[in-house]
Amino acid sequence: MFTPDQYLQVVAERVQRSGGRLSTVQIGPVTAAVGLFTESIMLSTMNYCVVAAAYPEIDAQTLFQFTALATQHARANVQGTVGWTAGSVVIAGLVGRVHPDAATAASAKTANQFGGETRMVAVDPYAGMTYAWVGGKLWGAAVQGSVNAKLLFCFPQPTEAYQQLQWQAQWQAQQAGYNAVPGYGAPGPTPNDPGAVPGATGPTTGGPGPGGFPGQQIPSGWQPQIPPPPAAGPPGPQPPHYPPPGRPPYGQ
């Protein structure tokens, strides 16, 4: 079963991957993951604060209260002056079992705010749904597009988040398999093992080999064996000799 905590792992990974500063903050009764971003859009500075936490049962009142507390935290901690040269965007999301009234509240169009924007997100991993308003407004089309992109990236659909976790688990398993192969980080043969390097006085692995690549160490006193040049053989067939022009049998 895909759990809220697993979904929050995906949110935290995406915040860090996109350049956000990740931390954990107490927001009301929950410990929330907070990502802070600063981006330049159309010669303006946009300050983003992404807040995500897990909660068992999410109704509309719970979502509104969490968003209000997350907004207070963002206003107190996000640097920048709200006005013509800076804007503040808060994207607050709760992950858990979403009630119908919370889904409706999260999907409603947000009101216009001077110098800022607040988006509510409700994620139900059990139902496989993410509820949020993603749309445009008559003002600030470039800003709205950036906000939508940030929301959709940090709060993906649960199926997409689950697929990401599966891919990461497969990748980690592959890396563990590579590290188990001698020459890729795992211990190689010792001098007493068959196939050990002749003349070695200790373990033949444990550090970088020739050129910095992992593998067997060069034994002390080892010299490269250069084979002698091949011996000269009997002379081969000589090319035919032709008389110069003007000499018999071609000349007069």
Protein backbone atom coordinates (compact mmCIF):
# COMPACT_ATOMS: atom_id res chain seq x y z
CA MET A 1 0.00 0.00 0.00
CA PHE A 2 1.26 3.47 -0.90
CA THR A 3 1.40 5.46 2.35
CA PRO A 4 1.41 9.22 3.06
CA ASP A 5 4.95 8.98 4.43
CA GLN A 6 6.15 7.43 1.15
CA TYR A 7 4.49 10.24 -0.78
CA LEU A 8 6.24 12.81 1.41
CA GLN A 9 9.56 11.15 0.55
CA VAL A 10 8.87 11.93 -3.11
CA VAL A 11 7.94 15.53 -2.28
CA ALA A 12 11.17 16.03 -0.31
CA GLU A 13 13.28 14.49 -3.09
CA ARG A 14 11.69 16.71 -5.71
CA VAL A 15 12.18 19.83 -3.61
CA GLN A 16 15.90 19.10 -3.31
CA ARG A 17 16.26 18.03 -6.94
CA SER A 18 14.79 21.33 -8.15
CA GLY A 19 17.16 23.40 -5.99
CA GLY A 20 14.98 24.04 -2.95
CA ARG A 21 16.29 24.38 0.59
CA LEU A 22 14.64 21.57 2.55
CA SER A 23 13.92 21.59 6.27
CA THR A 24 11.34 20.30 8.76
CA VAL A 25 9.10 22.64 10.75
CA GLN A 26 6.35 22.12 13.28
CA ILE A 27 3.11 23.39 11.73
CA GLY A 28 0.32 23.01 14.28
CA PRO A 29 0.13 19.35 15.39
CA VAL A 30 2.21 17.97 12.48
CA THR A 31 5.85 18.02 11.42
CA ALA A 32 5.98 19.40 7.91
CA ALA A 33 8.61 19.30 5.20
CA VAL A 34 9.33 22.85 4.00
CA GLY A 35 11.05 23.76 0.76
CA LEU A 36 12.17 27.33 0.04
CA PHE A 37 12.89 28.56 -3.48
CA THR A 38 13.90 31.90 -4.95
CA GLU A 39 13.47 32.35 -8.70
CA SER A 40 13.55 35.22 -11.15
CA ILE A 41 10.52 35.54 -13.44
CA MET A 42 10.06 38.43 -15.88
CA LEU A 43 12.58 40.66 -14.05
CA SER A 44 10.83 39.96 -10.75
CA THR A 45 11.93 37.86 -7.78
CA MET A 46 9.53 35.12 -6.76
CA ASN A 47 9.84 33.49 -3.35
CA TYR A 48 8.27 30.03 -3.10
CA CYS A 49 7.47 28.15 0.09
CA VAL A 50 6.29 24.55 -0.38
CA VAL A 51 4.89 22.98 2.81
CA ALA A 52 3.80 19.33 2.97
CA ALA A 53 2.70 17.15 5.87
CA ALA A 54 0.76 13.95 6.54
CA TYR A 55 -2.55 13.95 8.42
CA PRO A 56 -4.93 11.00 8.91
CA GLU A 57 -8.27 12.62 8.04
CA ILE A 58 -8.36 15.82 5.97
CA ASP A 59 -11.51 17.89 5.87
CA ALA A 60 -11.96 21.44 4.62
CA GLN A 61 -11.48 23.06 8.03
CA THR A 62 -8.24 21.13 8.64
CA LEU A 63 -6.91 22.12 5.21
CA PHE A 64 -7.74 25.82 5.75
CA GLN A 65 -6.11 25.85 9.19
CA PHE A 66 -2.97 24.14 7.94
CA THR A 67 -2.71 26.54 5.00
CA ALA A 68 -3.10 29.57 7.28
CA LEU A 69 -0.33 28.36 9.62
CA ALA A 70 1.93 27.51 6.67
CA THR A 71 1.36 30.99 5.24
CA GLN A 72 2.29 32.60 8.56
CA HIS A 73 5.50 30.60 8.63
CA ALA A 74 6.32 31.53 5.04
CA ARG A 75 5.73 35.24 5.58
CA ALA A 76 8.05 35.17 8.58
CA ASN A 77 10.85 33.17 6.95
CA VAL A 78 10.82 33.82 3.21
CA GLN A 79 13.19 36.65 2.36
CA GLY A 80 12.12 39.40 0.01
CA THR A 81 9.90 42.42 0.01
CA VAL A 82 6.35 41.84 -1.12
CA GLY A 83 5.61 44.45 -3.75
CA TRP A 84 6.48 45.29 -7.32
CA THR A 85 9.88 43.60 -7.31
CA ALA A 86 9.08 40.48 -5.29
CA GLY A 87 6.22 38.07 -4.80
CA SER A 88 5.53 35.36 -2.25
CA VAL A 89 3.92 32.06 -3.22
CA VAL A 90 2.83 29.50 -0.63
CA ILE A 91 1.89 25.98 -1.72
CA ALA A 92 0.53 24.06 1.27
CA GLY A 93 -0.39 20.40 0.95
CA LEU A 94 -1.75 17.77 3.31
CA VAL A 95 -1.44 14.05 2.53
CA GLY A 96 -3.94 11.56 3.92
CA ARG A 97 -7.55 10.47 3.53
CA VAL A 98 -9.24 13.42 1.83
CA HIS A 99 -12.90 14.17 2.61
CA PRO A 100 -15.15 15.50 -0.19
CA ASP A 101 -15.33 19.02 1.27
CA ALA A 102 -11.52 19.22 1.40
CA ALA A 103 -11.27 18.06 -2.22
CA THR A 104 -13.72 20.80 -3.22
CA ALA A 105 -11.86 23.47 -1.25
CA ALA A 106 -8.48 22.53 -2.73
CA SER A 107 -9.88 22.50 -6.29
CA ALA A 108 -11.52 25.94 -6.01
CA LYS A 109 -9.97 28.87 -7.87
CA THR A 110 -7.81 31.01 -5.63
CA ALA A 111 -8.58 34.66 -4.99
CA ASN A 112 -6.35 37.46 -6.28
CA GLN A 113 -3.72 38.59 -3.82
CA PHE A 114 -1.46 41.62 -4.04
CA GLY A 115 2.14 40.50 -4.40
CA GLY A 116 1.42 36.90 -3.49
CA GLU A 117 -0.36 33.66 -4.18
CA THR A 118 -1.59 30.83 -1.95
CA ARG A 119 -2.45 27.35 -3.22
CA MET A 120 -3.97 24.53 -1.19
CA VAL A 121 -3.27 20.89 -2.08
CA ALA A 122 -4.95 17.75 -0.74
CA VAL A 123 -3.42 14.39 -1.67
CA ASP A 124 -5.20 11.08 -1.10
CA PRO A 125 -2.72 8.23 -1.77
CA TYR A 126 -5.40 5.65 -0.98
CA ALA A 127 -7.71 6.95 -3.70
CA GLY A 128 -4.82 7.89 -5.99
CA MET A 129 -5.88 11.55 -6.35
CA THR A 130 -4.26 14.95 -5.95
CA TYR A 131 -6.68 17.87 -5.54
CA ALA A 132 -5.50 21.39 -6.35
CA TRP A 133 -6.45 24.33 -8.55
CA VAL A 134 -4.14 24.64 -11.54
CA GLY A 135 -5.22 27.34 -13.93
CA GLY A 136 -4.64 30.83 -15.26
CA LYS A 137 -5.82 34.29 -14.37
CA LEU A 138 -6.21 37.51 -16.29
CA TRP A 139 -3.15 38.98 -14.59
CA GLY A 140 0.37 37.62 -14.24
CA ALA A 141 0.23 34.86 -16.86
CA ALA A 142 3.96 34.16 -16.58
CA VAL A 143 3.78 34.02 -12.78
CA GLN A 144 0.74 31.74 -12.85
CA GLY A 145 2.48 29.38 -15.24
CA SER A 146 5.47 29.16 -12.92
CA VAL A 147 3.25 28.53 -9.89
CA ASN A 148 1.37 25.78 -11.72
CA ALA A 149 4.62 24.11 -12.79
CA LYS A 150 6.00 24.22 -9.24
CA LEU A 151 2.80 22.78 -7.77
CA LEU A 152 2.54 19.95 -10.30
CA PHE A 153 6.20 19.01 -9.86
CA CYS A 154 6.29 19.06 -6.05
CA PHE A 155 2.85 17.42 -5.64
CA PRO A 156 2.53 14.82 -8.41
CA GLN A 157 -0.33 12.39 -8.78
CA PRO A 158 0.08 9.42 -6.39
CA THR A 159 0.56 6.97 -9.28
CA GLU A 160 3.46 9.07 -10.59
CA ALA A 161 4.99 9.31 -7.11
CA TYR A 162 4.65 5.54 -6.61
CA GLN A 163 6.35 4.87 -9.95
CA GLN A 164 9.21 7.16 -8.91
CA LEU A 165 9.72 5.19 -5.69
CA GLN A 166 9.75 1.92 -7.62
CA TRP A 167 12.30 3.27 -10.08
CA GLN A 168 14.53 4.50 -7.25
CA ALA A 169 14.34 1.10 -5.53
CA GLN A 170 15.30 -0.70 -8.75
CA TRP A 171 18.19 1.70 -9.33
CA GLN A 172 19.50 1.17 -5.79
CA ALA A 173 19.25 -2.61 -6.23
CA GLN A 174 21.23 -2.38 -9.46
CA GLN A 175 23.91 -0.28 -7.77
CA ALA A 176 24.14 -2.84 -4.96
CA GLY A 177 24.57 -5.58 -7.57
CA TYR A 178 27.37 -3.67 -9.28
CA ASN A 179 29.17 -3.19 -5.97
CA ALA A 180 29.01 -6.95 -5.35
CA VAL A 181 31.08 -7.72 -8.49
CA PRO A 182 34.87 -7.93 -7.91
CA GLY A 183 36.51 -4.90 -9.46
CA TYR A 184 33.45 -2.69 -8.70
CA GLY A 185 34.05 -2.10 -5.01
CA ALA A 186 33.75 -5.63 -3.59
CA PRO A 187 36.77 -7.44 -2.09
CA GLY A 188 38.72 -9.47 -4.66
CA PRO A 189 40.83 -12.62 -4.19
CA THR A 190 43.45 -12.83 -1.47
CA PRO A 191 46.97 -14.27 -2.03
CA ASN A 192 45.79 -17.69 -0.78
CA ASP A 193 42.87 -17.83 -3.17
CA PRO A 194 43.02 -19.36 -6.64
CA GLY A 195 43.64 -16.70 -9.18
CA ALA A 196 45.55 -14.42 -6.82
CA VAL A 197 48.25 -12.21 -8.29
CA PRO A 198 51.63 -13.96 -7.99
CA GLY A 199 54.04 -12.16 -5.68
CA ALA A 200 51.37 -10.16 -3.84
CA THR A 201 52.08 -9.80 -0.12
CA GLY A 202 48.61 -8.89 1.09
CA PRO A 203 45.03 -8.42 -0.05
CA THR A 204 44.99 -7.56 -3.71
CA THR A 205 42.10 -5.12 -3.44
CA GLY A 206 40.87 -2.37 -1.15
CA GLY A 207 42.11 0.70 -2.97
CA PRO A 208 42.27 2.15 -6.42
CA GLY A 209 44.20 0.18 -8.99
CA PRO A 210 46.22 1.46 -11.93
CA GLY A 211 44.91 4.76 -13.20
CA GLY A 212 42.58 5.20 -10.22
CA PHE A 213 40.19 2.47 -11.38
CA PRO A 214 39.03 -0.08 -8.81
CA GLY A 215 40.69 -3.48 -9.06
CA GLN A 216 43.81 -5.33 -8.07
CA GLN A 217 46.82 -3.54 -6.64
CA ILE A 218 50.16 -3.76 -8.44
CA PRO A 219 52.51 -6.01 -6.34
CA SER A 220 55.65 -4.36 -5.02
CA GLY A 221 58.65 -4.90 -7.27
CA TRP A 222 56.50 -5.79 -10.24
CA GLN A 223 57.93 -4.81 -13.61
CA PRO A 224 56.17 -5.00 -16.94
CA GLN A 225 57.33 -7.89 -19.11
CA ILE A 226 58.23 -6.58 -22.57
CA PRO A 227 58.47 -9.37 -25.14
CA PRO A 228 61.58 -9.39 -27.42
CA PRO A 229 61.19 -8.25 -31.00
CA PRO A 230 60.40 -11.00 -33.50
CA ALA A 231 63.46 -12.67 -35.13
CA ALA A 232 64.29 -11.83 -38.72
CA GLY A 233 63.16 -14.56 -41.11
CA PRO A 234 64.43 -15.56 -44.58
CA PRO A 235 64.12 -12.93 -47.29
CA GLY A 236 60.89 -13.01 -49.21
CA PRO A 237 60.47 -13.03 -53.00
CA GLN A 238 62.08 -10.13 -54.83
CA PRO A 239 60.08 -7.98 -57.29
CA PRO A 240 60.75 -8.67 -61.03
CA HIS A 241 63.38 -6.56 -62.81
CA TYR A 242 62.30 -4.83 -66.01
CA PRO A 243 64.79 -3.29 -68.50
CA PRO A 244 64.62 0.49 -68.87
CA PRO A 245 62.78 2.01 -71.90
CA GLY A 246 64.65 1.90 -75.16
CA ARG A 247 66.40 -1.34 -74.37
CA PRO A 248 65.49 -4.73 -75.84
CA PRO A 249 63.04 -6.29 -75.94
CA TYR A 250 60.91 -3.07 -75.87
CA GLY A 251 63.21 -0.66 -77.77
CA GLN A 252 64.93 -0.61 -81.05
